[in-house]
Amino acid sequence: MSIRLSEKDSGRTLGSISQEDFQLLVDHMEEESSKDQDYYVEHTAIDALESLGASAGFVALLRTAVGESDGIDVVWAEE
């Protein structure tokens, strides 16, 4: 099973990630509630995920999605 990531505001699909990368995201990003399905991703968070062992593909997906912006809200759904 993979996890599809999308940009919350636009609904734009960013790509799919592995269960392992998803677990890393869940374990190390702030959740506002137990039902939270979105995360604010910015450059510092991407650097932290990379240093924690996120796959190169996941890191590239996030860097492309954030681009030159300060950060974006990312939502997830199981595929």
PDB file of N, CA and C in Angstrom:
ATOM      1  N   MET A   1       0.841  -1.171   0.000  1.00  0.00           N
ATOM      2  CA  MET A   1       0.000   0.000   0.000  1.00  0.00           C
ATOM      3  C   MET A   1       0.890   1.239   0.000  1.00  0.00           C
ATOM      4  N   SER A   2       0.480   2.233  -0.774  1.00  0.00           N
ATOM      5  CA  SER A   2       1.226   3.488  -0.780  1.00  0.00           C
ATOM      6  C   SER A   2       0.302   4.610  -0.316  1.00  0.00           C
ATOM      7  N   ILE A   3       0.903   5.734  -0.070  1.00  0.00           N
ATOM      8  CA  ILE A   3       0.196   6.901   0.435  1.00  0.00           C
ATOM      9  C   ILE A   3       0.316   8.013  -0.599  1.00  0.00           C
ATOM     10  N   ARG A   4      -0.823   8.603  -0.964  1.00  0.00           N
ATOM     11  CA  ARG A   4      -0.836   9.712  -1.917  1.00  0.00           C
ATOM     12  C   ARG A   4      -0.787  11.023  -1.137  1.00  0.00           C
ATOM     13  N   LEU A   5       0.135  11.894  -1.513  1.00  0.00           N
ATOM     14  CA  LEU A   5       0.239  13.223  -0.911  1.00  0.00           C
ATOM     15  C   LEU A   5      -0.303  14.254  -1.897  1.00  0.00           C
ATOM     16  N   SER A   6      -1.054  15.219  -1.353  1.00  0.00           N
ATOM     17  CA  SER A   6      -1.608  16.308  -2.153  1.00  0.00           C
ATOM     18  C   SER A   6      -1.418  17.616  -1.415  1.00  0.00           C
ATOM     19  N   GLU A   7      -1.423  18.699  -2.172  1.00  0.00           N
ATOM     20  CA  GLU A   7      -1.380  20.025  -1.553  1.00  0.00           C
ATOM     21  C   GLU A   7      -2.788  20.352  -1.066  1.00  0.00           C
ATOM     22  N   LYS A   8      -2.905  20.727   0.179  1.00  0.00           N
ATOM     23  CA  LYS A   8      -4.211  20.935   0.796  1.00  0.00           C
ATOM     24  C   LYS A   8      -5.011  22.031   0.100  1.00  0.00           C
ATOM     25  N   ASP A   9      -4.401  23.173  -0.143  1.00  0.00           N
ATOM     26  CA  ASP A   9      -5.145  24.313  -0.682  1.00  0.00           C
ATOM     27  C   ASP A   9      -5.618  24.108  -2.110  1.00  0.00           C
ATOM     28  N   SER A  10      -4.771  23.551  -2.955  1.00  0.00           N
ATOM     29  CA  SER A  10      -5.115  23.411  -4.374  1.00  0.00           C
ATOM     30  C   SER A  10      -5.672  22.044  -4.742  1.00  0.00           C
ATOM     31  N   GLY A  11      -5.412  21.039  -3.900  1.00  0.00           N
ATOM     32  CA  GLY A  11      -5.810  19.676  -4.236  1.00  0.00           C
ATOM     33  C   GLY A  11      -4.859  18.994  -5.209  1.00  0.00           C
ATOM     34  N   ARG A  12      -3.812  19.693  -5.600  1.00  0.00           N
ATOM     35  CA  ARG A  12      -2.835  19.167  -6.562  1.00  0.00           C
ATOM     36  C   ARG A  12      -2.137  17.940  -5.977  1.00  0.00           C
ATOM     37  N   THR A  13      -2.144  16.841  -6.734  1.00  0.00           N
ATOM     38  CA  THR A  13      -1.455  15.634  -6.305  1.00  0.00           C
ATOM     39  C   THR A  13       0.043  15.845  -6.430  1.00  0.00           C
ATOM     40  N   LEU A  14       0.760  15.534  -5.349  1.00  0.00           N
ATOM     41  CA  LEU A  14       2.214  15.688  -5.333  1.00  0.00           C
ATOM     42  C   LEU A  14       2.906  14.397  -5.723  1.00  0.00           C
ATOM     43  N   GLY A  15       2.321  13.272  -5.353  1.00  0.00           N
ATOM     44  CA  GLY A  15       2.900  11.979  -5.668  1.00  0.00           C
ATOM     45  C   GLY A  15       2.583  10.972  -4.586  1.00  0.00           C
ATOM     46  N   SER A  16       3.137   9.790  -4.741  1.00  0.00           N
ATOM     47  CA  SER A  16       2.916   8.710  -3.778  1.00  0.00           C
ATOM     48  C   SER A  16       4.217   8.385  -3.065  1.00  0.00           C
ATOM     49  N   ILE A  17       4.075   7.972  -1.809  1.00  0.00           N
ATOM     50  CA  ILE A  17       5.239   7.615  -1.013  1.00  0.00           C
ATOM     51  C   ILE A  17       5.028   6.246  -0.387  1.00  0.00           C
ATOM     52  N   SER A  18       6.105   5.646   0.039  1.00  0.00           N
ATOM     53  CA  SER A  18       6.039   4.328   0.671  1.00  0.00           C
ATOM     54  C   SER A  18       5.473   4.427   2.080  1.00  0.00           C
ATOM     55  N   GLN A  19       5.072   3.294   2.592  1.00  0.00           N
ATOM     56  CA  GLN A  19       4.592   3.216   3.968  1.00  0.00           C
ATOM     57  C   GLN A  19       5.694   3.640   4.948  1.00  0.00           C
ATOM     58  N   GLU A  20       6.936   3.283   4.650  1.00  0.00           N
ATOM     59  CA  GLU A  20       8.071   3.642   5.517  1.00  0.00           C
ATOM     60  C   GLU A  20       8.270   5.158   5.581  1.00  0.00           C
ATOM     61  N   ASP A  21       8.231   5.819   4.413  1.00  0.00           N
ATOM     62  CA  ASP A  21       8.378   7.271   4.397  1.00  0.00           C
ATOM     63  C   ASP A  21       7.193   7.938   5.092  1.00  0.00           C
ATOM     64  N   PHE A  22       6.006   7.383   4.892  1.00  0.00           N
ATOM     65  CA  PHE A  22       4.828   7.928   5.554  1.00  0.00           C
ATOM     66  C   PHE A  22       4.965   7.831   7.069  1.00  0.00           C
ATOM     67  N   GLN A  23       5.445   6.701   7.557  1.00  0.00           N
ATOM     68  CA  GLN A  23       5.615   6.527   9.005  1.00  0.00           C
ATOM     69  C   GLN A  23       6.606   7.547   9.558  1.00  0.00           C
ATOM     70  N   LEU A  24       7.658   7.817   8.801  1.00  0.00           N
ATOM     71  CA  LEU A  24       8.630   8.831   9.207  1.00  0.00           C
ATOM     72  C   LEU A  24       7.963  10.204   9.294  1.00  0.00           C
ATOM     73  N   LEU A  25       7.120  10.521   8.330  1.00  0.00           N
ATOM     74  CA  LEU A  25       6.390  11.783   8.323  1.00  0.00           C
ATOM     75  C   LEU A  25       5.490  11.887   9.550  1.00  0.00           C
ATOM     76  N   VAL A  26       4.723  10.852   9.822  1.00  0.00           N
ATOM     77  CA  VAL A  26       3.794  10.841  10.960  1.00  0.00           C
ATOM     78  C   VAL A  26       4.541  10.949  12.283  1.00  0.00           C
ATOM     79  N   ASP A  27       5.645  10.215  12.398  1.00  0.00           N
ATOM     80  CA  ASP A  27       6.399  10.183  13.653  1.00  0.00           C
ATOM     81  C   ASP A  27       7.089  11.504  13.982  1.00  0.00           C
ATOM     82  N   HIS A  28       7.396  12.307  12.957  1.00  0.00           N
ATOM     83  CA  HIS A  28       8.238  13.475  13.195  1.00  0.00           C
ATOM     84  C   HIS A  28       7.603  14.814  12.840  1.00  0.00           C
ATOM     85  N   MET A  29       6.337  14.804  12.454  1.00  0.00           N
ATOM     86  CA  MET A  29       5.650  16.061  12.170  1.00  0.00           C
ATOM     87  C   MET A  29       4.561  16.275  13.213  1.00  0.00           C
ATOM     88  N   GLU A  30       4.238  17.519  13.470  1.00  0.00           N
ATOM     89  CA  GLU A  30       3.247  17.866  14.491  1.00  0.00           C
ATOM     90  C   GLU A  30       1.838  17.609  13.987  1.00  0.00           C
ATOM     91  N   GLU A  31       1.049  16.926  14.811  1.00  0.00           N
ATOM     92  CA  GLU A  31      -0.363  16.693  14.518  1.00  0.00           C
ATOM     93  C   GLU A  31      -1.191  17.508  15.500  1.00  0.00           C
ATOM     94  N   GLU A  32      -2.232  18.150  14.982  1.00  0.00           N
ATOM     95  CA  GLU A  32      -3.085  18.956  15.841  1.00  0.00           C
ATOM     96  C   GLU A  32      -4.104  18.107  16.592  1.00  0.00           C
ATOM     97  N   SER A  33      -4.411  16.917  16.057  1.00  0.00           N
ATOM     98  CA  SER A  33      -5.335  16.004  16.725  1.00  0.00           C
ATOM     99  C   SER A  33      -5.055  14.589  16.231  1.00  0.00           C
ATOM    100  N   SER A  34      -5.684  13.603  16.865  1.00  0.00           N
ATOM    101  CA  SER A  34      -5.464  12.215  16.471  1.00  0.00           C
ATOM    102  C   SER A  34      -6.055  11.902  15.099  1.00  0.00           C
ATOM    103  N   LYS A  35      -6.935  12.752  14.606  1.00  0.00           N
ATOM    104  CA  LYS A  35      -7.548  12.550  13.287  1.00  0.00           C
ATOM    105  C   LYS A  35      -6.922  13.453  12.221  1.00  0.00           C
ATOM    106  N   ASP A  36      -5.864  14.131  12.592  1.00  0.00           N
ATOM    107  CA  ASP A  36      -5.187  15.063  11.693  1.00  0.00           C
ATOM    108  C   ASP A  36      -4.629  14.324  10.485  1.00  0.00           C
ATOM    109  N   GLN A  37      -4.907  14.825   9.287  1.00  0.00           N
ATOM    110  CA  GLN A  37      -4.379  14.220   8.071  1.00  0.00           C
ATOM    111  C   GLN A  37      -3.639  15.240   7.224  1.00  0.00           C
ATOM    112  N   ASP A  38      -3.166  16.312   7.857  1.00  0.00           N
ATOM    113  CA  ASP A  38      -2.379  17.273   7.096  1.00  0.00           C
ATOM    114  C   ASP A  38      -1.191  17.745   7.933  1.00  0.00           C
ATOM    115  N   TYR A  39      -0.170  18.146   7.214  1.00  0.00           N
ATOM    116  CA  TYR A  39       1.078  18.590   7.834  1.00  0.00           C
ATOM    117  C   TYR A  39       1.576  19.814   7.088  1.00  0.00           C
ATOM    118  N   TYR A  40       2.126  20.758   7.846  1.00  0.00           N
ATOM    119  CA  TYR A  40       2.774  21.914   7.234  1.00  0.00           C
ATOM    120  C   TYR A  40       4.225  21.529   6.984  1.00  0.00           C
ATOM    121  N   VAL A  41       4.620  21.546   5.715  1.00  0.00           N
ATOM    122  CA  VAL A  41       5.966  21.123   5.324  1.00  0.00           C
ATOM    123  C   VAL A  41       6.724  22.342   4.804  1.00  0.00           C
ATOM    124  N   GLU A  42       7.878  22.580   5.409  1.00  0.00           N
ATOM    125  CA  GLU A  42       8.755  23.661   4.975  1.00  0.00           C
ATOM    126  C   GLU A  42      10.181  23.126   4.908  1.00  0.00           C
ATOM    127  N   HIS A  43      11.084  23.958   4.426  1.00  0.00           N
ATOM    128  CA  HIS A  43      12.444  23.501   4.118  1.00  0.00           C
ATOM    129  C   HIS A  43      13.157  22.859   5.308  1.00  0.00           C
ATOM    130  N   THR A  44      13.017  23.426   6.498  1.00  0.00           N
ATOM    131  CA  THR A  44      13.669  22.865   7.679  1.00  0.00           C
ATOM    132  C   THR A  44      13.132  21.469   7.989  1.00  0.00           C
ATOM    133  N   ALA A  45      11.822  21.286   7.832  1.00  0.00           N
ATOM    134  CA  ALA A  45      11.216  19.970   8.077  1.00  0.00           C
ATOM    135  C   ALA A  45      11.725  18.944   7.066  1.00  0.00           C
ATOM    136  N   ILE A  46      11.880  19.356   5.825  1.00  0.00           N
ATOM    137  CA  ILE A  46      12.395  18.439   4.794  1.00  0.00           C
ATOM    138  C   ILE A  46      13.825  18.034   5.129  1.00  0.00           C
ATOM    139  N   ASP A  47      14.636  18.996   5.537  1.00  0.00           N
ATOM    140  CA  ASP A  47      16.018  18.688   5.929  1.00  0.00           C
ATOM    141  C   ASP A  47      16.041  17.693   7.086  1.00  0.00           C
ATOM    142  N   ALA A  48      15.139  17.888   8.060  1.00  0.00           N
ATOM    143  CA  ALA A  48      15.076  16.977   9.212  1.00  0.00           C
ATOM    144  C   ALA A  48      14.661  15.580   8.777  1.00  0.00           C
ATOM    145  N   LEU A  49      13.655  15.473   7.917  1.00  0.00           N
ATOM    146  CA  LEU A  49      13.220  14.156   7.435  1.00  0.00           C
ATOM    147  C   LEU A  49      14.355  13.465   6.675  1.00  0.00           C
ATOM    148  N   GLU A  50      15.087  14.235   5.877  1.00  0.00           N
ATOM    149  CA  GLU A  50      16.215  13.670   5.140  1.00  0.00           C
ATOM    150  C   GLU A  50      17.263  13.122   6.102  1.00  0.00           C
ATOM    151  N   SER A  51      17.571  13.870   7.139  1.00  0.00           N
ATOM    152  CA  SER A  51      18.591  13.425   8.095  1.00  0.00           C
ATOM    153  C   SER A  51      18.119  12.220   8.906  1.00  0.00           C
ATOM    154  N   LEU A  52      16.816  12.032   8.992  1.00  0.00           N
ATOM    155  CA  LEU A  52      16.253  10.885   9.718  1.00  0.00           C
ATOM    156  C   LEU A  52      16.135   9.633   8.843  1.00  0.00           C
ATOM    157  N   GLY A  53      16.508   9.754   7.567  1.00  0.00           N
ATOM    158  CA  GLY A  53      16.534   8.587   6.703  1.00  0.00           C
ATOM    159  C   GLY A  53      15.432   8.493   5.664  1.00  0.00           C
ATOM    160  N   ALA A  54      14.713   9.596   5.425  1.00  0.00           N
ATOM    161  CA  ALA A  54      13.693   9.584   4.374  1.00  0.00           C
ATOM    162  C   ALA A  54      14.349   9.240   3.039  1.00  0.00           C
ATOM    163  N   SER A  55      13.618   8.548   2.187  1.00  0.00           N
ATOM    164  CA  SER A  55      14.169   8.151   0.887  1.00  0.00           C
ATOM    165  C   SER A  55      14.435   9.384   0.017  1.00  0.00           C
ATOM    166  N   ALA A  56      15.358   9.220  -0.911  1.00  0.00           N
ATOM    167  CA  ALA A  56      15.710  10.319  -1.817  1.00  0.00           C
ATOM    168  C   ALA A  56      14.498  10.767  -2.625  1.00  0.00           C
ATOM    169  N   GLY A  57      13.657   9.830  -3.039  1.00  0.00           N
ATOM    170  CA  GLY A  57      12.459  10.166  -3.810  1.00  0.00           C
ATOM    171  C   GLY A  57      11.472  10.991  -3.012  1.00  0.00           C
ATOM    172  N   PHE A  58      11.291  10.642  -1.750  1.00  0.00           N
ATOM    173  CA  PHE A  58      10.381  11.385  -0.871  1.00  0.00           C
ATOM    174  C   PHE A  58      10.900  12.800  -0.650  1.00  0.00           C
ATOM    175  N   VAL A  59      12.184  12.926  -0.379  1.00  0.00           N
ATOM    176  CA  VAL A  59      12.793  14.238  -0.162  1.00  0.00           C
ATOM    177  C   VAL A  59      12.647  15.091  -1.428  1.00  0.00           C
ATOM    178  N   ALA A  60      12.912  14.526  -2.586  1.00  0.00           N
ATOM    179  CA  ALA A  60      12.793  15.257  -3.849  1.00  0.00           C
ATOM    180  C   ALA A  60      11.349  15.694  -4.091  1.00  0.00           C
ATOM    181  N   LEU A  61      10.395  14.812  -3.810  1.00  0.00           N
ATOM    182  CA  LEU A  61       8.979  15.132  -3.974  1.00  0.00           C
ATOM    183  C   LEU A  61       8.615  16.349  -3.118  1.00  0.00           C
ATOM    184  N   LEU A  62       9.043  16.348  -1.855  1.00  0.00           N
ATOM    185  CA  LEU A  62       8.728  17.454  -0.957  1.00  0.00           C
ATOM    186  C   LEU A  62       9.431  18.744  -1.386  1.00  0.00           C
ATOM    187  N   ARG A  63      10.699  18.653  -1.780  1.00  0.00           N
ATOM    188  CA  ARG A  63      11.431  19.858  -2.200  1.00  0.00           C
ATOM    189  C   ARG A  63      10.785  20.481  -3.438  1.00  0.00           C
ATOM    190  N   THR A  64      10.358  19.648  -4.370  1.00  0.00           N
ATOM    191  CA  THR A  64       9.685  20.142  -5.571  1.00  0.00           C
ATOM    192  C   THR A  64       8.359  20.793  -5.205  1.00  0.00           C
ATOM    193  N   ALA A  65       7.611  20.156  -4.318  1.00  0.00           N
ATOM    194  CA  ALA A  65       6.294  20.670  -3.926  1.00  0.00           C
ATOM    195  C   ALA A  65       6.402  22.024  -3.224  1.00  0.00           C
ATOM    196  N   VAL A  66       7.364  22.164  -2.333  1.00  0.00           N
ATOM    197  CA  VAL A  66       7.529  23.415  -1.586  1.00  0.00           C
ATOM    198  C   VAL A  66       8.145  24.494  -2.468  1.00  0.00           C
ATOM    199  N   GLY A  67       9.097  24.104  -3.312  1.00  0.00           N
ATOM    200  CA  GLY A  67       9.719  25.054  -4.233  1.00  0.00           C
ATOM    201  C   GLY A  67      10.321  26.240  -3.508  1.00  0.00           C
ATOM    202  N   GLU A  68      10.016  27.438  -3.980  1.00  0.00           N
ATOM    203  CA  GLU A  68      10.550  28.670  -3.406  1.00  0.00           C
ATOM    204  C   GLU A  68       9.655  29.239  -2.300  1.00  0.00           C
ATOM    205  N   SER A  69       8.524  28.606  -2.042  1.00  0.00           N
ATOM    206  CA  SER A  69       7.606  29.117  -1.019  1.00  0.00           C
ATOM    207  C   SER A  69       8.165  28.868   0.381  1.00  0.00           C
ATOM    208  N   ASP A  70       7.537  29.468   1.368  1.00  0.00           N
ATOM    209  CA  ASP A  70       7.928  29.243   2.758  1.00  0.00           C
ATOM    210  C   ASP A  70       7.548  27.842   3.214  1.00  0.00           C
ATOM    211  N   GLY A  71       6.476  27.300   2.652  1.00  0.00           N
ATOM    212  CA  GLY A  71       6.007  25.972   3.008  1.00  0.00           C
ATOM    213  C   GLY A  71       4.587  25.767   2.508  1.00  0.00           C
ATOM    214  N   ILE A  72       4.135  24.521   2.561  1.00  0.00           N
ATOM    215  CA  ILE A  72       2.783  24.196   2.112  1.00  0.00           C
ATOM    216  C   ILE A  72       2.147  23.209   3.085  1.00  0.00           C
ATOM    217  N   ASP A  73       0.816  23.185   3.077  1.00  0.00           N
ATOM    218  CA  ASP A  73       0.082  22.175   3.826  1.00  0.00           C
ATOM    219  C   ASP A  73      -0.113  20.969   2.921  1.00  0.00           C
ATOM    220  N   VAL A  74       0.290  19.815   3.422  1.00  0.00           N
ATOM    221  CA  VAL A  74       0.215  18.573   2.670  1.00  0.00           C
ATOM    222  C   VAL A  74      -0.796  17.647   3.361  1.00  0.00           C
ATOM    223  N   VAL A  75      -1.685  17.056   2.565  1.00  0.00           N
ATOM    224  CA  VAL A  75      -2.637  16.080   3.081  1.00  0.00           C
ATOM    225  C   VAL A  75      -2.303  14.724   2.489  1.00  0.00           C
ATOM    226  N   TRP A  76      -2.765  13.673   3.157  1.00  0.00           N
ATOM    227  CA  TRP A  76      -2.460  12.317   2.694  1.00  0.00           C
ATOM    228  C   TRP A  76      -3.726  11.468   2.626  1.00  0.00           C
ATOM    229  N   ALA A  77      -3.666  10.444   1.799  1.00  0.00           N
ATOM    230  CA  ALA A  77      -4.743   9.464   1.695  1.00  0.00           C
ATOM    231  C   ALA A  77      -4.137   8.134   1.283  1.00  0.00           C
ATOM    232  N   GLU A  78      -4.686   7.050   1.797  1.00  0.00           N
ATOM    233  CA  GLU A  78      -4.211   5.720   1.402  1.00  0.00           C
ATOM    234  C   GLU A  78      -4.673   5.424  -0.015  1.00  0.00           C
ATOM    235  N   GLU A  79      -3.805   4.749  -0.763  1.00  0.00           N
ATOM    236  CA  GLU A  79      -4.166   4.351  -2.136  1.00  0.00           C
ATOM    237  C   GLU A  79      -4.447   2.876  -2.182  1.00  0.00           C
TER     238      GLU A  79
END
